[in-house]
Amino acid sequence: MLLLSGARKREVLDAQWCDFDTLNNFWTIPITKNGKKRILPITPPLKELLESIPKGSKYLFASPKTKKPYVSIFNSWNTARIKAGLPEVRIHDLRHTYASSLVNAKCSLYEVQMLLGHSTAKMTQRYAHLSNDALMKASSCAGRLLK
């Protein structure tokens, strides 16, 4: 879900079913890290994921014992990243990957900024990394100057 939405870990862990409008395809995050409300689109892959999550609590990802959001998911994340052969990948790197994939798909920095909920473009630039292919393509434009 983190990779499909670009949301912060705490936003996902605290997400409640009532925050999702699957009819109009948007997710309202009532309070973000910045203290503001943010609305994210629900894409088809995200909608498919949501439909696969059992509804046993008002929270999407609730502890079976407490029915409240998990305080930490480090152990599960650590197990998953080691099994995947990615021991250096931090959970927050998924947010960076989301941003980078949008920039490499030619989304504007402003669009990425809005989706991530950043108040400044400068912060978004720290998240969005161009692929080597994108940089090579951009750099190749200079070759046209000699023709």
C-alpha atoms as a PDB file:
ATOM      1  CA  MET A   1       0.000   0.000   0.000  1.00  0.00           C
ATOM      2  CA  LEU A   2       2.907   2.336   0.738  1.00  0.00           C
ATOM      3  CA  LEU A   3       4.341   1.792  -2.728  1.00  0.00           C
ATOM      4  CA  LEU A   4       0.976   2.252  -4.456  1.00  0.00           C
ATOM      5  CA  SER A   5       0.013   5.436  -2.629  1.00  0.00           C
ATOM      6  CA  GLY A   6       3.203   7.218  -1.609  1.00  0.00           C
ATOM      7  CA  ALA A   7       1.633   7.635   1.821  1.00  0.00           C
ATOM      8  CA  ARG A   8       3.670   7.781   4.976  1.00  0.00           C
ATOM      9  CA  LYS A   9       3.874   4.652   7.139  1.00  0.00           C
ATOM     10  CA  ARG A  10       1.840   6.202   9.943  1.00  0.00           C
ATOM     11  CA  GLU A  11      -0.837   7.389   7.479  1.00  0.00           C
ATOM     12  CA  VAL A  12      -1.290   3.822   6.263  1.00  0.00           C
ATOM     13  CA  LEU A  13      -1.197   2.267   9.719  1.00  0.00           C
ATOM     14  CA  ASP A  14      -3.796   4.742  11.012  1.00  0.00           C
ATOM     15  CA  ALA A  15      -6.043   4.466   7.929  1.00  0.00           C
ATOM     16  CA  GLN A  16      -9.668   3.647   8.654  1.00  0.00           C
ATOM     17  CA  TRP A  17     -12.174   2.135   6.257  1.00  0.00           C
ATOM     18  CA  CYS A  18     -14.328   5.259   6.550  1.00  0.00           C
ATOM     19  CA  ASP A  19     -11.455   7.288   5.020  1.00  0.00           C
ATOM     20  CA  PHE A  20     -11.882   5.504   1.683  1.00  0.00           C
ATOM     21  CA  ASP A  21     -14.488   6.458  -0.905  1.00  0.00           C
ATOM     22  CA  THR A  22     -14.210   3.643  -3.431  1.00  0.00           C
ATOM     23  CA  LEU A  23     -17.208   4.950  -5.368  1.00  0.00           C
ATOM     24  CA  ASN A  24     -15.426   8.225  -6.203  1.00  0.00           C
ATOM     25  CA  ASN A  25     -11.942   6.690  -5.854  1.00  0.00           C
ATOM     26  CA  PHE A  26     -10.315   8.872  -3.263  1.00  0.00           C
ATOM     27  CA  TRP A  27      -8.694   8.350   0.115  1.00  0.00           C
ATOM     28  CA  THR A  28      -8.908  11.141   2.652  1.00  0.00           C
ATOM     29  CA  ILE A  29      -6.052  11.246   5.109  1.00  0.00           C
ATOM     30  CA  PRO A  30      -7.625  13.351   7.873  1.00  0.00           C
ATOM     31  CA  ILE A  31      -4.413  14.499   9.554  1.00  0.00           C
ATOM     32  CA  THR A  32      -0.990  14.282   7.950  1.00  0.00           C
ATOM     33  CA  LYS A  33       2.438  14.888   9.433  1.00  0.00           C
ATOM     34  CA  ASN A  34       1.919  18.548   8.499  1.00  0.00           C
ATOM     35  CA  GLY A  35      -1.344  18.612  10.448  1.00  0.00           C
ATOM     36  CA  LYS A  36      -3.375  19.059   7.253  1.00  0.00           C
ATOM     37  CA  LYS A  37      -5.928  16.897   5.482  1.00  0.00           C
ATOM     38  CA  ARG A  38      -4.803  15.301   2.195  1.00  0.00           C
ATOM     39  CA  ILE A  39      -6.824  13.540  -0.465  1.00  0.00           C
ATOM     40  CA  LEU A  40      -5.224  10.852  -2.602  1.00  0.00           C
ATOM     41  CA  PRO A  41      -6.668   9.133  -5.648  1.00  0.00           C
ATOM     42  CA  ILE A  42      -7.399   5.435  -5.411  1.00  0.00           C
ATOM     43  CA  THR A  43      -5.844   3.889  -8.502  1.00  0.00           C
ATOM     44  CA  PRO A  44      -7.049   0.522  -9.856  1.00  0.00           C
ATOM     45  CA  PRO A  45      -4.094  -1.385  -8.310  1.00  0.00           C
ATOM     46  CA  LEU A  46      -4.693   0.309  -4.951  1.00  0.00           C
ATOM     47  CA  LYS A  47      -8.409  -0.453  -5.174  1.00  0.00           C
ATOM     48  CA  GLU A  48      -7.629  -4.095  -5.897  1.00  0.00           C
ATOM     49  CA  LEU A  49      -5.372  -4.202  -2.850  1.00  0.00           C
ATOM     50  CA  LEU A  50      -8.050  -2.598  -0.667  1.00  0.00           C
ATOM     51  CA  GLU A  51     -10.592  -5.181  -1.812  1.00  0.00           C
ATOM     52  CA  SER A  52      -8.226  -7.971  -0.720  1.00  0.00           C
ATOM     53  CA  ILE A  53      -7.901  -6.719   2.871  1.00  0.00           C
ATOM     54  CA  PRO A  54     -10.299  -8.372   5.358  1.00  0.00           C
ATOM     55  CA  LYS A  55     -12.554  -5.944   7.219  1.00  0.00           C
ATOM     56  CA  GLY A  56     -12.171  -7.152  10.808  1.00  0.00           C
ATOM     57  CA  SER A  57     -11.763  -3.717  12.374  1.00  0.00           C
ATOM     58  CA  LYS A  58     -12.413  -0.061  11.612  1.00  0.00           C
ATOM     59  CA  TYR A  59      -8.689   0.153  10.739  1.00  0.00           C
ATOM     60  CA  LEU A  60      -7.248  -1.379   7.588  1.00  0.00           C
ATOM     61  CA  PHE A  61      -4.245  -2.816   9.374  1.00  0.00           C
ATOM     62  CA  ALA A  62      -5.273  -3.512  12.936  1.00  0.00           C
ATOM     63  CA  SER A  63      -3.642  -5.738  15.492  1.00  0.00           C
ATOM     64  CA  PRO A  64      -5.779  -8.875  15.889  1.00  0.00           C
ATOM     65  CA  LYS A  65      -5.385  -8.563  19.672  1.00  0.00           C
ATOM     66  CA  THR A  66      -6.291  -4.906  20.185  1.00  0.00           C
ATOM     67  CA  LYS A  67      -8.224  -4.126  16.954  1.00  0.00           C
ATOM     68  CA  LYS A  68      -6.214  -0.867  16.911  1.00  0.00           C
ATOM     69  CA  PRO A  69      -3.439   0.235  14.552  1.00  0.00           C
ATOM     70  CA  TYR A  70      -0.053  -1.361  14.996  1.00  0.00           C
ATOM     71  CA  VAL A  71       2.414   0.782  16.905  1.00  0.00           C
ATOM     72  CA  SER A  72       5.346  -0.724  14.996  1.00  0.00           C
ATOM     73  CA  ILE A  73       5.726  -3.052  12.030  1.00  0.00           C
ATOM     74  CA  PHE A  74       9.516  -3.148  12.061  1.00  0.00           C
ATOM     75  CA  ASN A  75       9.835  -6.888  12.705  1.00  0.00           C
ATOM     76  CA  SER A  76       7.503  -7.772   9.825  1.00  0.00           C
ATOM     77  CA  TRP A  77       9.206  -5.263   7.524  1.00  0.00           C
ATOM     78  CA  ASN A  78      12.657  -6.508   8.513  1.00  0.00           C
ATOM     79  CA  THR A  79      11.674 -10.126   7.800  1.00  0.00           C
ATOM     80  CA  ALA A  80      10.206  -9.188   4.406  1.00  0.00           C
ATOM     81  CA  ARG A  81      13.175  -7.111   3.237  1.00  0.00           C
ATOM     82  CA  ILE A  82      15.685  -9.769   4.285  1.00  0.00           C
ATOM     83  CA  LYS A  83      13.689 -12.500   2.497  1.00  0.00           C
ATOM     84  CA  ALA A  84      13.596 -10.258  -0.601  1.00  0.00           C
ATOM     85  CA  GLY A  85      17.366  -9.811  -0.463  1.00  0.00           C
ATOM     86  CA  LEU A  86      17.009  -6.078   0.238  1.00  0.00           C
ATOM     87  CA  PRO A  87      18.358  -5.713   3.793  1.00  0.00           C
ATOM     88  CA  GLU A  88      19.337  -2.055   3.305  1.00  0.00           C
ATOM     89  CA  VAL A  89      15.910  -0.869   2.121  1.00  0.00           C
ATOM     90  CA  ARG A  90      14.091   1.232   4.701  1.00  0.00           C
ATOM     91  CA  ILE A  91      10.302   1.324   4.763  1.00  0.00           C
ATOM     92  CA  HIS A  92      10.423   5.065   3.995  1.00  0.00           C
ATOM     93  CA  ASP A  93      12.347   4.244   0.794  1.00  0.00           C
ATOM     94  CA  LEU A  94       9.023   3.062  -0.655  1.00  0.00           C
ATOM     95  CA  ARG A  95       7.824   6.682  -0.547  1.00  0.00           C
ATOM     96  CA  HIS A  96      10.975   7.770  -2.374  1.00  0.00           C
ATOM     97  CA  THR A  97      10.430   5.033  -4.961  1.00  0.00           C
ATOM     98  CA  TYR A  98       6.841   6.184  -5.489  1.00  0.00           C
ATOM     99  CA  ALA A  99       8.006   9.774  -6.058  1.00  0.00           C
ATOM    100  CA  SER A 100      10.822   8.725  -8.372  1.00  0.00           C
ATOM    101  CA  SER A 101       8.550   6.527 -10.461  1.00  0.00           C
ATOM    102  CA  LEU A 102       6.158   9.458 -10.956  1.00  0.00           C
ATOM    103  CA  VAL A 103       8.948  11.827 -12.012  1.00  0.00           C
ATOM    104  CA  ASN A 104      10.372   9.223 -14.379  1.00  0.00           C
ATOM    105  CA  ALA A 105       6.884   8.802 -15.863  1.00  0.00           C
ATOM    106  CA  LYS A 106       7.030  12.547 -16.666  1.00  0.00           C
ATOM    107  CA  CYS A 107       4.652  13.721 -13.947  1.00  0.00           C
ATOM    108  CA  SER A 108       5.353  17.306 -13.003  1.00  0.00           C
ATOM    109  CA  LEU A 109       7.126  18.099  -9.777  1.00  0.00           C
ATOM    110  CA  TYR A 110       3.999  19.976  -8.708  1.00  0.00           C
ATOM    111  CA  GLU A 111       1.851  16.848  -9.202  1.00  0.00           C
ATOM    112  CA  VAL A 112       4.299  14.769  -7.180  1.00  0.00           C
ATOM    113  CA  GLN A 113       4.408  17.463  -4.495  1.00  0.00           C
ATOM    114  CA  MET A 114       0.615  17.399  -4.170  1.00  0.00           C
ATOM    115  CA  LEU A 115       0.455  13.597  -4.019  1.00  0.00           C
ATOM    116  CA  LEU A 116       3.155  13.410  -1.354  1.00  0.00           C
ATOM    117  CA  GLY A 117       1.644  16.264   0.626  1.00  0.00           C
ATOM    118  CA  HIS A 118       4.798  18.353   0.669  1.00  0.00           C
ATOM    119  CA  SER A 119       4.443  22.059   1.397  1.00  0.00           C
ATOM    120  CA  THR A 120       7.458  22.932  -0.769  1.00  0.00           C
ATOM    121  CA  ALA A 121       8.863  21.747  -4.084  1.00  0.00           C
ATOM    122  CA  LYS A 122      12.309  21.657  -2.478  1.00  0.00           C
ATOM    123  CA  MET A 123      11.221  18.782  -0.227  1.00  0.00           C
ATOM    124  CA  THR A 124       9.753  16.920  -3.195  1.00  0.00           C
ATOM    125  CA  GLN A 125      13.049  17.256  -5.070  1.00  0.00           C
ATOM    126  CA  ARG A 126      14.732  15.355  -2.244  1.00  0.00           C
ATOM    127  CA  TYR A 127      12.347  12.454  -2.865  1.00  0.00           C
ATOM    128  CA  ALA A 128      12.231  12.339  -6.644  1.00  0.00           C
ATOM    129  CA  HIS A 129      15.255  10.810  -8.323  1.00  0.00           C
ATOM    130  CA  LEU A 130      15.577  10.568 -12.074  1.00  0.00           C
ATOM    131  CA  SER A 131      16.598   7.244 -13.543  1.00  0.00           C
ATOM    132  CA  ASN A 132      19.815   6.949 -15.523  1.00  0.00           C
ATOM    133  CA  ASP A 133      17.732   6.368 -18.664  1.00  0.00           C
ATOM    134  CA  ALA A 134      15.818   9.609 -18.121  1.00  0.00           C
ATOM    135  CA  LEU A 135      19.053  11.520 -17.533  1.00  0.00           C
ATOM    136  CA  MET A 136      20.640   9.988 -20.652  1.00  0.00           C
ATOM    137  CA  LYS A 137      17.631  10.936 -22.754  1.00  0.00           C
ATOM    138  CA  ALA A 138      17.688  14.503 -21.441  1.00  0.00           C
ATOM    139  CA  SER A 139      21.433  14.802 -21.917  1.00  0.00           C
ATOM    140  CA  SER A 140      21.184  13.455 -25.474  1.00  0.00           C
ATOM    141  CA  CYS A 141      19.188  16.566 -26.394  1.00  0.00           C
ATOM    142  CA  ALA A 142      22.454  18.523 -26.240  1.00  0.00           C
ATOM    143  CA  GLY A 143      23.807  16.409 -29.117  1.00  0.00           C
ATOM    144  CA  ARG A 144      21.274  18.039 -31.397  1.00  0.00           C
ATOM    145  CA  LEU A 145      23.143  21.330 -30.999  1.00  0.00           C
ATOM    146  CA  LEU A 146      25.939  20.011 -33.197  1.00  0.00           C
ATOM    147  CA  LYS A 147      23.701  18.938 -36.075  1.00  0.00           C
END
